[in-house]
């Protein structure tokens, strides 16, 4: 008896072909339902690996910090000088010689104009009096401080965000997730890197003081190791953590910056999703908006955060500098330093060095976050959860 036929005189095979077997799930197997790539081409991390390629955040953060610090080093030199007690004393003497009242007696508008004028005068005077290399003083120690600091910050934030969102928010991002991850990152980074920043600040100010005095013997520290040893010998291990309270206060800045940055990125991401749902092809303009939008988001987030929280920068520098008055430390704590600077120099004193600071940190943030996002993509991952 002949077997049943099918249209076209084709017979059904008694066993599935190898091609069909490859498609049909076998017993014990599961069918993958997640896409292997995201819209931007980055692979999707496995659901059970929230810390997949966690090292990428460390590398990307370090490279971003190195690039931004090198480009904006001249403004960092200027900012540190304007924040220090030593240079503020010199500026006060210059103002008195010109018949200008103390800053505490000036109106906010006049004080701001005077600060901007003095900032650019010093910026132009540094290469004229000390040579263009003076604009990059402390770059080496600065990189030694910046690279591990930024690597630690991005590593703890990027991975902290993934852990918090996975275990506490069903794998979704939200403003409170960003806030918690940023605060945790700030505490860890500030604690780990405070000794590095303290030594860097003291070396930078010590070198500048010696050159002003015109004598190498005027330098107090020979190098970073000598500065560390003298600090421990004279002030104990706790001396390496001077300014730590102000650094913790600065967590508000980094937290605000991260939250604003993530919210702006969320808006850009929703824009890309609307384009994808519309079915139209992306144009060169769309790609330009995506990348320039991220750079602009990083810069704007830093601008707002820095303006709101800047006084802690001045207090932190003063506490790290640890100047003496009548043989005793002039600044003994966070609150006392705030009060004394405000009493002696007014509100303008708490914003000393603001102009070069903003000129440095806004483009620095855009460069740093831009490099961070690019390096993550090159390493096959993304900053998204």
Foldseek 3Di string as FASTA:
>chain_A
DDDDADPVRDDDDPDDDPVVVVVDDDPPDDDDDDDQADPVGFGDDDLVCLCVPLLLLLVLQLVLQLVLCVVLQLLVLLLLLQLEPVNVVVVVVVCVVVVHDFQQPDDPVVLVVVLVVVSVVVSVVCCVPPNPCSSNPLVVLVSVLRNNLRSQLRSQLLSQLSVCCVPPPVRDDDLVSLLVSLLVSLLVSLVVRQLSVLLSSQVSVQVVVCVVVVHPVSRPADDSVRSSVVQCVPPNPCLSCFLSVLSSLLSQLRSQLRSQLVVQLVVLVVVVVVVVVVVDDDDPVNVVCNLVSSLQSQLVSNLVSCVVSVLSVSLSSHRSNQDDDPRHGPDDDSVSSVVVQCVRRNPSSSCGSVVSVSVSRSNSRSSSVSSSQVSQVVVSHGSRD
